[in-house]
Amino acid sequence: MTHLLSLNGLTKAYPGVVANDDVSLSIAPGEIHALLGENGAGKSTLVKMIYGLVKPDAGIMQMNGAGFAPGDPRAARAAGVGMVFQHFSLFDALTVAENIALGMETPPPMRTLAARIREVSETYGLPLSPDRVVGDLSAGERQRVEIIRCLLQDPKLLIMDEPTSVLTPQEVDILFETLRKLSAEGTAILYISHKLEEIRALCDAATILRGGKVVGTAVPRDTSARAMAEMMVGSTLATPKAAAHDTGAVLLSVTGLSVSSPSAFGMSLKDVSFDVRAGEVLGIGGVAGNGQDELLAVLSGELPCKTGMVAFKGADLARSGPEARRGLGVLAAPEERLGHAAAPNMSLTENAMLTGAAREGLARRGMLDWRKTRAFAERIIAGFDVRTPGPENAARSLSGGNLQKFVIGREVLQRPEVLVVNQPTWGVDAAAAAAIRQALLDLAADGSAVVAISQDLDELMEISDRFAALNEGRLSDPRATAGLDVEQIGLMLGGAHEMEVAHV
C-alpha cells in the first residue's frame, strides 16, 4: 500500500514528561484513521508535529515518500495538511468570508472568495452563506467555517480534533457524509475523538496511544467500543453505577427566571423554572448556544438575577455573589475550563486556591496557607487521576481532558450541597468520563443536589433522575429520565410543547 504520510520513531519530550515516545504510524490516501488515547496520552503533541506547531526531538516524517519537516503551520498547509481544531479560532463580529480570508496566505478578492465558499460548501453538503456574521452562527455552522477554510486549500491530509463535541446528532450525520465524500476523493483524514461508537461507524483504522507510546492498532468496525477503551487505559473499564438512595428536601429552586445575555451573540433566558432536591441529579440537555452558559452564570452568581428568583433552601440568593454562594455550599464548574474555570498561567496549586479558599480553610487572617493549598491540589490530582508532573505546573500545561478532571475534582472535593456543572465530561476519554460521572452520582448519593448541563444525551440518560431541555432560552418541564426515548428527547430539544411530547 502506498502511504501518504509516514511517521517513524517520533519522540518529543517536555520538562518532566515524554509526550511522544518512538511513535510510528502510516496513513494511506483516502484512509480515515483514528488516533485514540486517554487524556495526556500524546495525541495533541503528535498532530502538532504533523501540523508544524511543534518540532520533534527525534524521528522522521515523510509525505508521499519524501522528507516532511514543516517548520510552521504555513509550511504544513503548503504541503497539503489542513487541521480543524477542537477550539474554533473565529472572530464573532466578522462575516464567514472575512474569517476565512484571515486564515488564507493569499486570499482572492472577496467576491471571488464568496463564490468559492458557496461552491465548496454546497459540493460537500455543508451549506453556508459567506455573508453571515459568525456570531450569529450555531456551533455546528462555526465548525463548517473551519472545515471550508481547510477545504479551500485542497488538503491531501485533514486532521480533525474532537470534531463532534459541539454538534447535534443530525449535524454529526452531515459531517460524516462530508468526510466520507472527501475520503472517496482521496483525501486522508486523521480523526481524534473520545466518542468510540463514532469511531466504529466512520474510521478504517485506529492507532492507540498510552503514555506517549503506540500500544496497539485496531480495525474499529471489527472492535467493540469497550475493547478500544480498555486498550487506551490498559485495564478493565468501570461502568458508573448509582447507589440506592432517597431524595430529600428541595435545595435549589428557580422560579420565573428571565435574564438578558451579557453577550451580543448570547441567548437570553426566558421564564425558566425548576427545583432540584437533595440526592437528585437534574440533567439539562440542549444544543450549544441555547442559554447553557447564561444559566450557569445566573446559578453561580456571576450574572445578576433581576426577574424571577433563585433560592437555596428557601432563601433568596439575589444579593449573593459567587463567593457568598460558595460559602453557603452552592458551587459551579463552567464549560470553558481554560480562562473561566481555571487561570491558564497560574499553577494548579494557585487554581485550587481560587475557588477552594473559603470552604477548604486555605486562608487565615487574610494570609494564604500555601502548604494546605498544595495539599488540596495534590488531593485533587490523586483523587481524579490528573496526569501532570505536579501541582506547581501551570493549568495551561495540562491536556484539555486532564484540566477538566482537575476542575471537576476541585469542586466535588469541596463537598457542595448544590453543584451546577456545564459539560462535565467535554473532551475527556472514556475512562475519565466514567470516573467523573461516578463522582457526580456519588455526590448525589451523599445528599447533594446536582444540576448537570450537557450536550451529551447518553451522559444525561446515564446519570440523571430527571431531564429537561433548554431551547432558545426556555426550559421544558423536567421529566423522569426513566422511560424517555430518543424521539421524545429530540422533540424536547427542538422546543416541542409538553403535550406534543407526551403523545409521541
Protein backbone atom coordinates (compact mmCIF):
# COMPACT_ATOMS: atom_id res chain seq x y z
CA MET A 1 0.00 0.00 0.00
CA THR A 2 1.26 3.48 -0.89
CA HIS A 3 1.38 5.72 2.16
CA LEU A 4 0.51 9.40 2.06
CA LEU A 5 2.00 10.13 5.50
CA SER A 6 4.51 8.01 7.41
CA LEU A 7 5.77 8.73 10.92
CA ASN A 8 8.81 6.82 12.12
CA GLY A 9 10.09 6.93 15.70
CA LEU A 10 8.74 10.38 16.56
CA THR A 11 9.77 11.47 20.04
CA LYS A 12 9.01 14.71 21.86
CA ALA A 13 9.84 15.45 25.50
CA TYR A 14 8.98 18.35 27.75
CA PRO A 15 10.33 19.03 31.27
CA GLY A 16 9.07 16.20 33.44
CA VAL A 17 7.18 14.30 30.74
CA VAL A 18 7.81 12.44 27.48
CA ALA A 19 4.76 13.37 25.40
CA ASN A 20 5.60 11.07 22.45
CA ASP A 21 7.97 8.12 22.73
CA ASP A 22 9.10 6.44 19.48
CA VAL A 23 5.72 6.80 17.76
CA SER A 24 5.27 5.30 14.29
CA LEU A 25 2.17 5.11 12.09
CA SER A 26 1.18 5.39 8.44
CA ILE A 27 -1.88 6.76 6.66
CA ALA A 28 -2.87 5.90 3.09
CA PRO A 29 -4.61 8.28 0.66
CA GLY A 30 -8.36 8.25 1.29
CA GLU A 31 -7.98 6.47 4.66
CA ILE A 32 -9.91 7.70 7.68
CA HIS A 33 -7.51 6.89 10.52
CA ALA A 34 -8.47 7.31 14.19
CA LEU A 35 -5.93 8.41 16.77
CA LEU A 36 -7.08 7.18 20.19
CA GLY A 37 -5.78 7.56 23.71
CA GLU A 38 -6.50 8.79 27.19
CA ASN A 39 -6.20 12.46 28.02
CA GLY A 40 -2.47 13.17 28.13
CA ALA A 41 -1.61 10.11 26.00
CA GLY A 42 0.20 12.31 23.47
CA LYS A 43 -2.39 12.76 20.70
CA SER A 44 -2.26 16.56 20.62
CA THR A 45 1.53 16.67 20.59
CA LEU A 46 1.64 14.20 17.71
CA VAL A 47 -0.73 16.16 15.48
CA LYS A 48 1.02 19.41 16.38
CA MET A 49 4.25 17.92 14.99
CA ILE A 50 2.45 16.96 11.78
CA TYR A 51 0.96 20.45 11.51
CA GLY A 52 4.26 22.24 12.16
CA LEU A 53 3.37 23.67 15.57
CA VAL A 54 5.94 21.53 17.41
CA LYS A 55 9.34 20.23 16.28
CA PRO A 56 10.11 16.57 17.13
CA ASP A 57 13.22 15.77 19.18
CA ALA A 58 13.82 12.58 17.19
CA GLY A 59 12.30 10.56 14.37
CA ILE A 60 11.32 11.38 10.80
CA MET A 61 8.14 12.16 8.88
CA GLN A 62 7.54 11.50 5.20
CA MET A 63 4.84 12.77 2.85
CA ASN A 64 4.41 10.73 -0.35
CA GLY A 65 7.81 9.13 0.32
CA ALA A 66 9.69 12.45 0.61
CA GLY A 67 11.04 14.02 3.78
CA PHE A 68 8.46 16.15 5.61
CA ALA A 69 9.53 18.53 8.39
CA PRO A 70 7.26 21.61 8.45
CA GLY A 71 8.74 24.47 10.44
CA ASP A 72 5.36 26.12 10.96
CA PRO A 73 1.68 25.63 10.04
CA ARG A 74 2.14 27.63 6.84
CA ALA A 75 4.68 25.07 5.61
CA ALA A 76 2.37 22.21 6.62
CA ARG A 77 -0.55 23.76 4.72
CA ALA A 78 1.68 24.27 1.67
CA ALA A 79 2.47 20.55 1.79
CA GLY A 80 -1.24 19.70 1.85
CA VAL A 81 -2.02 19.36 5.58
CA GLY A 82 -5.14 21.03 6.96
CA MET A 83 -6.31 20.99 10.57
CA VAL A 84 -9.66 21.71 12.23
CA PHE A 85 -9.02 22.39 15.91
CA GLN A 86 -11.31 21.47 18.80
CA HIS A 87 -11.44 25.15 19.84
CA PHE A 88 -12.54 27.38 16.98
CA SER A 89 -10.37 30.38 16.03
CA LEU A 90 -13.05 32.70 14.67
CA PHE A 91 -13.97 36.35 15.18
CA ASP A 92 -17.65 36.73 16.11
CA ALA A 93 -18.03 40.23 14.68
CA LEU A 94 -16.69 39.31 11.21
CA THR A 95 -18.50 37.53 8.40
CA VAL A 96 -17.84 33.97 7.28
CA ALA A 97 -15.89 35.20 4.24
CA GLU A 98 -13.82 37.64 6.30
CA ASN A 99 -12.91 34.91 8.79
CA ILE A 100 -11.91 32.53 6.02
CA ALA A 101 -9.82 35.21 4.30
CA LEU A 102 -7.87 35.79 7.52
CA GLY A 103 -6.83 32.13 7.52
CA MET A 104 -5.51 32.17 3.94
CA GLU A 105 -1.98 33.11 2.88
CA THR A 106 -3.09 34.98 -0.26
CA PRO A 107 -6.87 35.38 -0.23
CA PRO A 108 -8.57 36.17 -3.55
CA PRO A 109 -10.85 39.19 -3.97
CA MET A 110 -13.82 38.97 -1.59
CA ARG A 111 -16.38 38.46 -4.37
CA THR A 112 -14.36 35.55 -5.79
CA LEU A 113 -13.85 34.08 -2.32
CA ALA A 114 -17.58 34.31 -1.55
CA ALA A 115 -18.38 32.41 -4.75
CA ARG A 116 -15.81 29.71 -3.87
CA ILE A 117 -17.25 29.38 -0.34
CA ARG A 118 -20.74 28.83 -1.78
CA GLU A 119 -19.42 26.34 -4.32
CA VAL A 120 -17.34 24.28 -1.90
CA SER A 121 -19.92 24.36 0.89
CA GLU A 122 -22.65 23.06 -1.45
CA THR A 123 -20.38 20.45 -3.05
CA TYR A 124 -19.56 18.91 0.33
CA GLY A 125 -23.03 19.18 1.87
CA LEU A 126 -22.11 21.96 4.30
CA PRO A 127 -24.31 24.86 3.14
CA LEU A 128 -23.05 28.19 4.45
CA SER A 129 -23.61 31.81 3.44
CA PRO A 130 -20.34 33.79 3.17
CA ASP A 131 -22.18 36.99 4.20
CA ARG A 132 -23.42 35.78 7.60
CA VAL A 133 -21.83 37.16 10.76
CA VAL A 134 -20.07 34.38 12.66
CA GLY A 135 -21.54 35.49 16.00
CA ASP A 136 -24.98 34.56 14.67
CA LEU A 137 -23.95 31.00 13.73
CA SER A 138 -24.62 27.83 15.71
CA ALA A 139 -21.66 25.77 16.94
CA GLY A 140 -22.17 23.35 14.05
CA GLU A 141 -22.15 26.17 11.49
CA ARG A 142 -18.99 27.61 13.03
CA GLN A 143 -17.31 24.27 12.56
CA ARG A 144 -18.35 24.37 8.89
CA VAL A 145 -16.44 27.66 8.56
CA GLU A 146 -13.28 25.97 9.87
CA ILE A 147 -13.73 22.95 7.60
CA ILE A 148 -14.41 25.02 4.49
CA ARG A 149 -11.37 27.18 5.28
CA CYS A 150 -9.31 23.97 5.11
CA LEU A 151 -11.06 22.59 2.01
CA LEU A 152 -10.42 25.77 0.02
CA GLN A 153 -6.73 24.89 0.31
CA ASP A 154 -7.29 21.44 -1.27
CA PRO A 155 -5.68 19.38 1.54
CA LYS A 156 -4.24 15.91 1.00
CA LEU A 157 -4.49 15.22 4.75
CA LEU A 158 -7.18 16.68 7.01
CA ILE A 159 -6.65 16.48 10.80
CA MET A 160 -9.81 16.74 12.90
CA ASP A 161 -9.59 17.15 16.69
CA GLU A 162 -12.81 16.22 18.57
CA PRO A 163 -14.98 17.46 15.68
CA THR A 164 -18.35 16.29 17.05
CA SER A 165 -18.10 17.59 20.63
CA VAL A 166 -20.42 20.55 19.88
CA LEU A 167 -22.67 19.00 17.22
CA THR A 168 -26.23 17.70 17.29
CA PRO A 169 -26.79 14.10 16.10
CA GLN A 170 -28.13 15.48 12.81
CA GLU A 171 -25.03 17.64 12.33
CA VAL A 172 -22.81 14.63 13.07
CA ASP A 173 -24.53 12.72 10.26
CA ILE A 174 -23.90 15.61 7.85
CA LEU A 175 -20.24 15.85 8.90
CA PHE A 176 -19.72 12.11 8.39
CA GLU A 177 -21.23 12.30 4.90
CA THR A 178 -18.76 15.10 4.10
CA LEU A 179 -15.78 13.15 5.45
CA ARG A 180 -16.77 10.03 3.51
CA LYS A 181 -17.02 12.11 0.33
CA LEU A 182 -13.56 13.56 0.95
CA SER A 183 -12.21 10.07 1.62
CA ALA A 184 -13.70 8.77 -1.64
CA GLU A 185 -11.90 11.59 -3.46
CA GLY A 186 -8.56 10.52 -1.96
CA THR A 187 -8.20 12.91 0.98
CA ALA A 188 -6.78 11.17 4.05
CA ILE A 189 -8.29 12.06 7.42
CA LEU A 190 -6.61 11.76 10.82
CA TYR A 191 -9.50 11.74 13.28
CA ILE A 192 -9.23 12.32 17.04
CA SER A 193 -12.29 11.61 19.18
CA HIS A 194 -13.29 10.11 22.52
CA LYS A 195 -16.65 9.01 21.06
CA LEU A 196 -15.80 5.43 20.27
CA GLU A 197 -19.08 4.44 18.64
CA GLU A 198 -18.49 7.26 16.16
CA ILE A 199 -15.00 5.89 15.53
CA ARG A 200 -16.52 2.47 14.81
CA ALA A 201 -19.02 3.97 12.36
CA LEU A 202 -16.54 6.17 10.48
CA CYS A 203 -12.93 5.05 10.64
CA ASP A 204 -10.99 2.46 8.61
CA ALA A 205 -8.14 2.01 11.09
CA ALA A 206 -7.09 3.15 14.55
CA THR A 207 -3.80 3.69 16.34
CA ILE A 208 -3.95 3.66 20.14
CA LEU A 209 -1.55 5.69 22.29
CA ARG A 210 -0.95 5.22 26.01
CA GLY A 211 1.67 7.15 27.95
CA GLY A 212 3.06 8.60 24.72
CA LYS A 213 3.65 5.20 23.13
CA VAL A 214 1.80 3.20 20.50
CA VAL A 215 0.23 0.29 22.39
CA GLY A 216 -1.91 -1.20 19.64
CA THR A 217 -3.85 -0.86 16.43
CA ALA A 218 -7.40 -1.86 15.58
CA VAL A 219 -9.96 -2.05 12.81
CA PRO A 220 -12.75 -0.09 14.54
CA ARG A 221 -15.72 -1.70 12.78
CA ASP A 222 -14.46 -5.12 13.98
CA THR A 223 -13.64 -3.95 17.55
CA SER A 224 -16.11 -3.05 20.30
CA ALA A 225 -16.04 0.39 21.89
CA ARG A 226 -15.30 -1.21 25.26
CA ALA A 227 -12.35 -3.15 23.84
CA MET A 228 -10.85 0.02 22.34
CA ALA A 229 -11.41 1.92 25.60
CA GLU A 230 -9.66 -0.82 27.56
CA MET A 231 -6.71 -0.74 25.14
CA MET A 232 -6.49 3.01 25.79
CA VAL A 233 -6.43 2.71 29.59
CA GLY A 234 -4.71 -0.67 29.91
CA SER A 235 -7.31 -2.02 32.32
CA THR A 236 -10.96 -3.00 32.62
CA LEU A 237 -13.35 -0.09 32.13
CA ALA A 238 -15.67 0.68 35.04
CA THR A 239 -19.35 1.45 34.39
CA PRO A 240 -20.84 4.24 36.56
CA LYS A 241 -23.48 2.97 38.99
CA ALA A 242 -25.84 4.96 41.18
CA ALA A 243 -26.13 3.80 44.78
CA ALA A 244 -29.70 3.33 46.00
CA HIS A 245 -30.79 6.38 48.00
CA ASP A 246 -33.82 8.56 48.65
CA THR A 247 -34.21 12.17 47.60
CA GLY A 248 -34.74 14.80 50.26
CA ALA A 249 -35.89 18.38 50.51
CA VAL A 250 -35.65 20.92 47.69
CA LEU A 251 -32.20 22.56 47.92
CA LEU A 252 -32.21 24.72 44.79
CA SER A 253 -35.34 26.39 43.46
CA VAL A 254 -35.53 28.56 40.34
CA THR A 255 -38.77 30.43 39.61
CA GLY A 256 -39.71 32.58 36.60
CA LEU A 257 -36.10 33.38 35.76
CA SER A 258 -35.64 35.78 32.83
CA VAL A 259 -32.17 37.22 32.18
CA SER A 260 -30.68 39.12 29.25
CA SER A 261 -27.42 37.65 27.97
CA PRO A 262 -24.44 39.96 28.54
CA SER A 263 -23.10 38.88 25.13
CA ALA A 264 -24.37 40.35 21.88
CA PHE A 265 -24.23 36.82 20.49
CA GLY A 266 -25.54 35.03 23.58
CA MET A 267 -29.01 33.66 24.40
CA SER A 268 -31.25 35.31 26.99
CA LEU A 269 -33.15 33.12 29.46
CA LYS A 270 -36.95 33.27 29.33
CA ASP A 271 -39.15 32.29 32.30
CA VAL A 272 -37.01 29.36 33.48
CA SER A 273 -38.34 27.38 36.47
CA PHE A 274 -37.18 24.13 38.14
CA ASP A 275 -36.42 22.55 41.52
CA VAL A 276 -33.62 20.17 42.48
CA ARG A 277 -33.78 18.02 45.60
CA ALA A 278 -31.09 16.64 47.85
CA GLY A 279 -29.86 13.36 46.38
CA GLU A 280 -31.06 14.18 42.86
CA VAL A 281 -29.30 14.73 39.52
CA LEU A 282 -31.25 17.01 37.18
CA GLY A 283 -29.96 16.71 33.61
CA ILE A 284 -30.40 19.70 31.31
CA GLY A 285 -29.81 18.98 27.63
CA GLY A 286 -29.66 21.27 24.64
CA VAL A 287 -27.75 22.16 21.51
CA ALA A 288 -24.88 24.62 22.14
CA GLY A 289 -25.90 28.26 22.27
CA ASN A 290 -29.39 27.84 23.73
CA GLY A 291 -28.66 29.52 27.06
CA GLN A 292 -26.46 27.00 28.86
CA ASP A 293 -23.69 29.48 29.70
CA GLU A 294 -26.19 32.08 30.87
CA LEU A 295 -27.99 29.55 33.10
CA LEU A 296 -24.77 28.50 34.82
CA ALA A 297 -23.73 32.16 35.23
CA VAL A 298 -27.04 33.01 36.96
CA LEU A 299 -26.90 29.98 39.25
CA SER A 300 -23.25 30.61 40.18
CA GLY A 301 -23.90 34.30 40.93
CA GLU A 302 -21.78 35.68 38.07
CA LEU A 303 -24.83 37.09 36.28
CA PRO A 304 -27.36 39.08 38.37
CA CYS A 305 -30.93 37.81 38.55
CA LYS A 306 -33.34 40.75 38.09
CA THR A 307 -36.52 38.94 37.05
CA GLY A 308 -37.52 35.76 38.87
CA MET A 309 -35.85 34.09 41.82
CA VAL A 310 -33.02 31.69 42.59
CA ALA A 311 -33.32 30.26 46.10
CA PHE A 312 -31.16 27.91 48.20
CA LYS A 313 -33.08 26.12 50.96
CA GLY A 314 -35.82 28.69 50.50
CA ALA A 315 -33.54 31.72 50.94
CA ASP A 316 -33.29 34.18 48.02
CA LEU A 317 -29.77 34.33 46.53
CA ALA A 318 -30.34 37.54 44.55
CA ARG A 319 -27.87 39.55 46.63
CA SER A 320 -25.31 36.73 46.88
CA GLY A 321 -22.33 36.78 44.52
CA PRO A 322 -20.16 33.76 43.61
CA GLU A 323 -18.07 33.81 46.80
CA ALA A 324 -21.11 34.13 49.07
CA ARG A 325 -22.83 31.25 47.27
CA ARG A 326 -19.72 29.11 47.60
CA GLY A 327 -19.71 29.81 51.32
CA LEU A 328 -23.31 28.55 51.50
CA GLY A 329 -22.44 25.42 49.54
CA VAL A 330 -23.64 26.33 46.03
CA LEU A 331 -20.70 25.58 43.71
CA ALA A 332 -20.35 25.64 39.92
CA ALA A 333 -17.99 24.42 37.20
CA PRO A 334 -18.37 26.27 33.86
CA GLU A 335 -17.86 24.81 30.39
CA GLU A 336 -14.86 26.94 29.43
CA ARG A 337 -12.18 25.32 31.53
CA LEU A 338 -9.18 27.40 30.40
CA GLY A 339 -9.78 31.06 31.17
CA HIS A 340 -13.05 30.71 33.09
CA ALA A 341 -12.81 27.66 35.34
CA ALA A 342 -9.02 27.93 35.56
CA ALA A 343 -6.43 30.69 35.12
CA PRO A 344 -4.08 29.42 32.38
CA ASN A 345 -0.78 30.81 33.68
CA MET A 346 -1.43 30.02 37.35
CA SER A 347 -0.22 26.76 38.86
CA LEU A 348 -2.64 24.02 39.84
CA THR A 349 -1.98 24.92 43.47
CA GLU A 350 -3.00 28.53 42.80
CA ASN A 351 -6.05 27.39 40.83
CA ALA A 352 -7.07 25.16 43.73
CA MET A 353 -6.96 28.22 45.97
CA LEU A 354 -9.09 30.35 43.62
CA THR A 355 -12.32 28.50 44.39
CA GLY A 356 -11.36 26.48 47.46
CA ALA A 357 -10.04 29.18 49.79
CA ALA A 358 -13.19 29.55 51.89
CA ARG A 359 -14.60 26.01 52.03
CA GLU A 360 -11.20 24.34 52.47
CA GLY A 361 -9.92 26.89 55.01
CA LEU A 362 -6.93 27.83 52.87
CA ALA A 363 -6.64 31.34 54.29
CA ARG A 364 -6.34 32.56 57.87
CA ARG A 365 -6.49 36.19 58.97
CA GLY A 366 -6.00 37.31 55.38
CA MET A 367 -2.93 35.14 54.80
CA LEU A 368 -2.92 32.18 52.39
CA ASP A 369 -1.76 28.83 53.74
CA TRP A 370 0.21 27.55 50.75
CA ARG A 371 1.14 24.24 52.39
CA LYS A 372 -2.52 23.45 52.95
CA THR A 373 -3.41 24.70 49.45
CA ARG A 374 -0.76 22.48 47.86
CA ALA A 375 -2.11 19.52 49.83
CA PHE A 376 -5.62 20.28 48.50
CA ALA A 377 -4.27 20.40 44.92
CA GLU A 378 -2.47 17.09 45.50
CA ARG A 379 -5.74 15.53 46.74
CA ILE A 380 -7.48 16.63 43.55
CA ILE A 381 -4.65 15.28 41.37
CA ALA A 382 -4.63 11.92 43.16
CA GLY A 383 -8.39 11.55 43.56
CA PHE A 384 -9.20 12.35 39.92
CA ASP A 385 -6.11 10.85 38.26
CA VAL A 386 -4.95 14.17 36.81
CA ARG A 387 -1.88 13.47 34.65
CA THR A 388 0.66 16.18 35.50
CA PRO A 389 4.22 16.25 36.87
CA GLY A 390 2.97 18.08 39.94
CA PRO A 391 0.77 20.79 41.48
CA GLU A 392 3.23 23.57 40.57
CA ASN A 393 2.65 23.04 36.86
CA ALA A 394 0.58 25.72 35.12
CA ALA A 395 -3.02 24.94 34.20
CA ARG A 396 -2.25 25.58 30.52
CA SER A 397 0.34 22.77 30.54
CA LEU A 398 -2.37 20.13 31.03
CA SER A 399 -4.25 18.44 28.23
CA GLY A 400 -7.87 19.56 27.97
CA GLY A 401 -9.21 16.37 29.49
CA ASN A 402 -6.81 16.42 32.43
CA LEU A 403 -7.66 20.04 33.18
CA GLN A 404 -11.34 19.07 33.06
CA LYS A 405 -10.70 16.34 35.65
CA PHE A 406 -8.92 18.88 37.85
CA VAL A 407 -11.73 21.45 37.60
CA ILE A 408 -14.47 18.90 38.40
CA GLY A 409 -12.41 17.32 41.17
CA ARG A 410 -11.73 20.71 42.76
CA GLU A 411 -15.47 21.36 43.13
CA VAL A 412 -16.54 17.82 44.11
CA LEU A 413 -13.93 17.56 46.87
CA GLN A 414 -15.31 20.72 48.49
CA ARG A 415 -18.47 18.76 49.40
CA PRO A 416 -21.02 21.12 47.82
CA GLU A 417 -24.66 20.97 48.82
CA VAL A 418 -25.52 22.08 45.27
CA LEU A 419 -23.22 21.56 42.30
CA VAL A 420 -24.01 23.06 38.90
CA VAL A 421 -21.75 21.83 36.11
CA ASN A 422 -21.77 22.61 32.38
CA GLN A 423 -20.34 19.92 30.04
CA PRO A 424 -18.81 17.79 32.84
CA THR A 425 -17.03 15.35 30.52
CA TRP A 426 -16.36 17.54 27.48
CA GLY A 427 -13.24 16.29 25.69
CA VAL A 428 -12.29 13.60 28.20
CA ASP A 429 -11.57 9.96 27.43
CA ALA A 430 -13.94 7.09 28.20
CA ALA A 431 -12.30 6.10 31.49
CA ALA A 432 -12.11 9.69 32.76
CA ALA A 433 -15.71 10.34 31.70
CA ALA A 434 -16.84 7.27 33.63
CA ALA A 435 -14.92 8.47 36.71
CA ILE A 436 -16.42 11.97 36.54
CA ARG A 437 -19.94 10.61 36.11
CA GLN A 438 -19.41 8.27 39.04
CA ALA A 439 -18.20 11.21 41.16
CA LEU A 440 -21.41 13.12 40.35
CA LEU A 441 -23.55 10.08 41.19
CA ASP A 442 -21.66 9.60 44.47
CA LEU A 443 -22.15 13.27 45.31
CA ALA A 444 -25.91 12.89 44.85
CA ALA A 445 -25.93 9.65 46.84
CA ASP A 446 -24.32 11.59 49.71
CA GLY A 447 -27.20 14.09 49.68
CA SER A 448 -26.07 16.85 47.30
CA ALA A 449 -28.27 18.29 44.56
CA VAL A 450 -26.56 18.15 41.14
CA VAL A 451 -27.52 20.11 38.02
CA ALA A 452 -25.70 18.59 35.04
CA ILE A 453 -25.91 20.69 31.86
CA SER A 454 -24.63 18.70 28.89
CA GLN A 455 -24.88 18.24 25.13
CA ASP A 456 -24.11 14.53 25.57
CA LEU A 457 -27.54 12.91 25.75
CA ASP A 458 -26.11 9.46 26.53
CA GLU A 459 -24.39 11.01 29.54
CA LEU A 460 -27.58 12.65 30.79
CA MET A 461 -29.59 9.45 30.36
CA GLU A 462 -26.93 7.59 32.34
CA ILE A 463 -26.69 9.87 35.38
CA SER A 464 -29.92 11.91 35.57
CA ASP A 465 -33.01 11.23 37.64
CA ARG A 466 -34.96 13.86 35.69
CA PHE A 467 -34.34 15.51 32.33
CA ALA A 468 -35.24 18.93 30.91
CA ALA A 469 -34.34 20.52 27.57
CA LEU A 470 -33.11 24.07 27.01
CA ASN A 471 -34.20 25.59 23.69
CA GLU A 472 -33.78 29.27 22.75
CA GLY A 473 -33.51 30.20 26.42
CA ARG A 474 -36.65 28.33 27.50
CA LEU A 475 -36.59 25.22 29.69
CA SER A 476 -39.05 22.39 29.24
CA ASP A 477 -40.78 20.91 32.28
CA PRO A 478 -38.41 18.35 33.85
CA ARG A 479 -39.49 14.74 33.29
CA ALA A 480 -38.38 11.45 34.84
CA THR A 481 -35.48 10.10 32.77
CA ALA A 482 -36.67 6.51 33.09
CA GLY A 483 -38.90 5.74 30.12
CA LEU A 484 -37.83 8.67 27.92
CA ASP A 485 -36.89 7.60 24.40
CA VAL A 486 -34.71 9.29 21.78
CA GLU A 487 -37.69 10.61 19.80
CA GLN A 488 -39.25 12.25 22.86
CA ILE A 489 -35.90 13.79 23.82
CA GLY A 490 -35.45 15.08 20.26
CA LEU A 491 -38.83 16.81 20.42
CA MET A 492 -37.94 18.38 23.77
CA LEU A 493 -34.61 19.63 22.41
CA GLY A 494 -36.43 21.14 19.45
CA GLY A 495 -38.73 23.12 21.74
CA ALA A 496 -41.86 20.94 21.38
CA HIS A 497 -44.64 21.58 23.87
CA GLU A 498 -45.14 19.14 26.72
CA MET A 499 -48.48 17.94 25.34
CA GLU A 500 -46.91 17.09 21.98
CA VAL A 501 -44.07 15.19 23.64
CA ALA A 502 -46.43 13.26 25.88
CA HIS A 503 -48.34 11.87 22.88
CA VAL A 504 -45.36 10.68 20.85
